[in-house]
């Protein structure tokens, strides 16, 4: 059997001390002036055919700077994914950012 340098061996983490002591900075720890926060609202119905989205109520809430739907975002998944028959949005999950 071949002897490997890294495979099958314990590797010490370079950031272990920072994580254990609580001094490591994570993405949620970053605060910036005038920073906006986002929220993703997903359908409570798996594989639902979403025919329309009324974003007026969300847009009218205090502190809301903008409301985006699939119509407002460029097609990042390809030319035909995300839009079902008759122009309706078809909920398809393709990984962490799937719709």
Protein backbone atom coordinates (compact mmCIF):
# COMPACT_ATOMS: atom_id res chain seq x y z
CA UNK A 1 0.00 0.00 0.00
CA UNK A 2 1.29 3.44 -0.94
CA UNK A 3 2.30 5.86 1.80
CA UNK A 4 0.63 9.25 1.35
CA UNK A 5 1.77 12.57 2.74
CA UNK A 6 -1.67 13.94 3.70
CA UNK A 7 -4.34 11.34 2.91
CA UNK A 8 -5.48 9.41 5.98
CA UNK A 9 -3.53 11.59 8.41
CA UNK A 10 -4.72 14.12 10.95
CA UNK A 11 -4.04 17.67 9.82
CA UNK A 12 -3.86 20.47 12.38
CA UNK A 13 -6.14 23.41 11.59
CA UNK A 14 -4.37 26.73 11.24
CA UNK A 15 -7.32 28.61 12.71
CA UNK A 16 -7.96 26.23 15.63
CA UNK A 17 -6.59 28.58 18.31
CA UNK A 18 -8.65 31.53 17.05
CA UNK A 19 -11.83 29.47 16.91
CA UNK A 20 -11.36 27.95 20.37
CA UNK A 21 -10.52 31.29 22.02
CA UNK A 22 -13.36 33.12 20.26
CA UNK A 23 -11.09 35.61 18.51
CA UNK A 24 -11.80 34.30 14.98
CA UNK A 25 -13.86 36.66 12.81
CA UNK A 26 -16.71 35.19 10.83
CA UNK A 27 -18.85 36.78 8.13
CA UNK A 28 -21.65 37.52 10.61
CA UNK A 29 -19.19 39.41 12.82
CA UNK A 30 -18.52 42.07 10.17
CA UNK A 31 -20.40 45.34 10.70
CA UNK A 32 -20.13 48.26 8.28
CA UNK A 33 -21.60 51.76 8.20
CA UNK A 34 -24.99 51.83 6.41
CA UNK A 35 -24.85 48.06 5.93
CA UNK A 36 -28.04 46.48 4.55
CA UNK A 37 -29.33 43.06 5.59
CA UNK A 38 -31.09 40.63 3.28
CA UNK A 39 -33.82 38.08 3.85
CA UNK A 40 -34.82 35.22 1.56
CA UNK A 41 -38.46 34.14 1.69
CA UNK A 42 -39.07 30.73 0.20
CA UNK A 43 -42.35 29.12 -0.67
CA UNK A 44 -43.81 26.96 2.12
CA UNK A 45 -45.04 24.58 -0.60
CA UNK A 46 -42.38 22.33 -2.16
CA UNK A 47 -42.41 22.14 -5.98
CA UNK A 48 -45.16 24.78 -6.14
CA UNK A 49 -45.87 26.62 -9.38
CA UNK A 50 -45.65 30.29 -8.40
CA UNK A 51 -47.83 32.27 -10.79
CA UNK A 52 -47.37 35.74 -9.30
CA UNK A 53 -45.63 37.57 -6.48
CA UNK A 54 -47.05 40.74 -4.91
CA UNK A 55 -44.17 42.57 -3.32
CA UNK A 56 -46.02 45.81 -2.53
CA UNK A 57 -46.71 44.92 1.12
CA UNK A 58 -43.05 44.05 1.76
CA UNK A 59 -41.87 47.18 -0.05
CA UNK A 60 -44.12 49.39 2.09
CA UNK A 61 -42.66 48.20 5.42
CA UNK A 62 -40.58 50.67 7.42
CA UNK A 63 -36.85 50.35 6.79
CA UNK A 64 -37.16 48.25 3.63
CA UNK A 65 -34.81 49.57 0.93
CA UNK A 66 -35.76 47.13 -1.82
CA UNK A 67 -37.60 43.91 -2.63
CA UNK A 68 -36.28 41.56 -5.31
CA UNK A 69 -38.00 38.70 -7.08
CA UNK A 70 -36.78 36.41 -9.83
CA UNK A 71 -37.86 39.05 -12.37
CA UNK A 72 -35.40 41.59 -10.90
CA UNK A 73 -32.32 39.35 -10.93
CA UNK A 74 -30.38 38.32 -14.06
CA UNK A 75 -30.72 34.66 -15.00
CA UNK A 76 -27.70 33.09 -13.31
CA UNK A 77 -28.75 29.45 -13.76
CA UNK A 78 -28.89 29.22 -17.53
CA UNK A 79 -31.22 30.15 -20.37
CA UNK A 80 -34.15 27.87 -19.53
CA UNK A 81 -34.02 26.97 -15.83
CA UNK A 82 -36.23 28.87 -13.40
CA UNK A 83 -39.06 29.69 -15.81
CA UNK A 84 -41.78 27.13 -16.31
CA UNK A 85 -44.69 26.97 -18.69
CA UNK A 86 -46.62 30.16 -19.49
CA UNK A 87 -43.92 32.36 -17.89
CA UNK A 88 -44.61 31.17 -14.34
CA UNK A 89 -41.71 30.67 -11.95
CA UNK A 90 -41.15 27.01 -11.23
CA UNK A 91 -39.52 26.38 -7.86
CA UNK A 92 -36.44 24.25 -8.51
CA UNK A 93 -33.69 23.74 -6.00
CA UNK A 94 -30.18 23.66 -7.41
CA UNK A 95 -27.93 23.79 -4.38
CA UNK A 96 -27.74 26.37 -1.63
CA UNK A 97 -28.95 29.28 -3.74
CA UNK A 98 -31.64 27.37 -5.62
CA UNK A 99 -35.10 28.72 -6.09
